[in-house]
Amino acid sequence: MARYFIRLSYCGTAYNGWQSQPHKGTITIQSTIENALHTYLRKDIPITGCGRTDTGVHAKDYIAHFDFEPLDDIPTIIHRLNRVLPDDIAIHDIYRVKDDAHARFNAISRSYQYRLHTNKSPFKPYSYFYFYDTPDLSVLNQTANLLLEYTDFTTFCKLHSGAKTMDCHLTESAWIKNGEDYTYKVTSDRFLRGMIRLIVGMCLQVARGKASLEEVKNALNNQDRLSQDWSVPAIGLMLCDIQYPDTIKWYES
């Protein structure tokens, strides 16, 4: 048996998140890809993803792994899988890695973007959050940059999340503006459940004058949880990049 990484992207609007669910009839990204693999390779092939994106969250660069006998003509396999899969899921690459490589546990960084627009558009209903106000970009960035000073993110974690540690090491936290579109970019070694959507909501609350930067600092210093009411919808969130060490690569001897 050989282990393979599969690189894909998807629009999460029509799915109940990444992970397969025990409830019959619940459609997820994982179950849809496993069904496609079964259709083409004629075997049940479980796949393991790099993370559990929630319902409605998208991914531009997602990695999963699976085990199978050594594959030949991978470009043809990719082409035929894409013909089986629905239009909102695309396979971009399949490549062999070391037998113990793990899509989730070997990842060293993950980068997400959250996108919103301030002028309602019928062409952005599935990948942008329509925000009815025009936030101050300088205040958004002042708030976002504050997070780079912290590693304990209890403040942004849902209760009963099951996380063993609240530590995350952010290396990027910034907003950019392009016309009427705003994008929050964040990179870390890991994220807590609901963390990014609550960070975005917090930034918007401060930019609108509904909360102060001092309140956010106090919450972070005291590990006080912010209100989940501040959390923004999943529609604007996208996993954009995931990085692995070169040591997981498989080289034919």
Foldseek 3Di string as FASTA:
>chain_A
DFKKKWKKWFQQAVAQWADDDPDPPHHHVQVLLQVLCCVVVVDRKHKAWQDTGGRLAIAPITMIMTDDPDDDPQVVVQVSSQVSGDPRMHIDDMATWDPPDGSHPQWQKWKKKFKEFQDDDPVQPQAYHHDPDQFDQVLLFVLQVVCQVDFQVLQQADPPQPDPGRGKHKPDWHWDDDPRMIMTMTMIRDHHVRRVQLSVLVSRCCRVVVDHSVVVVVCRVVSPYDDCVSGDDNRNMYTYDIDGDPNGHDDDD
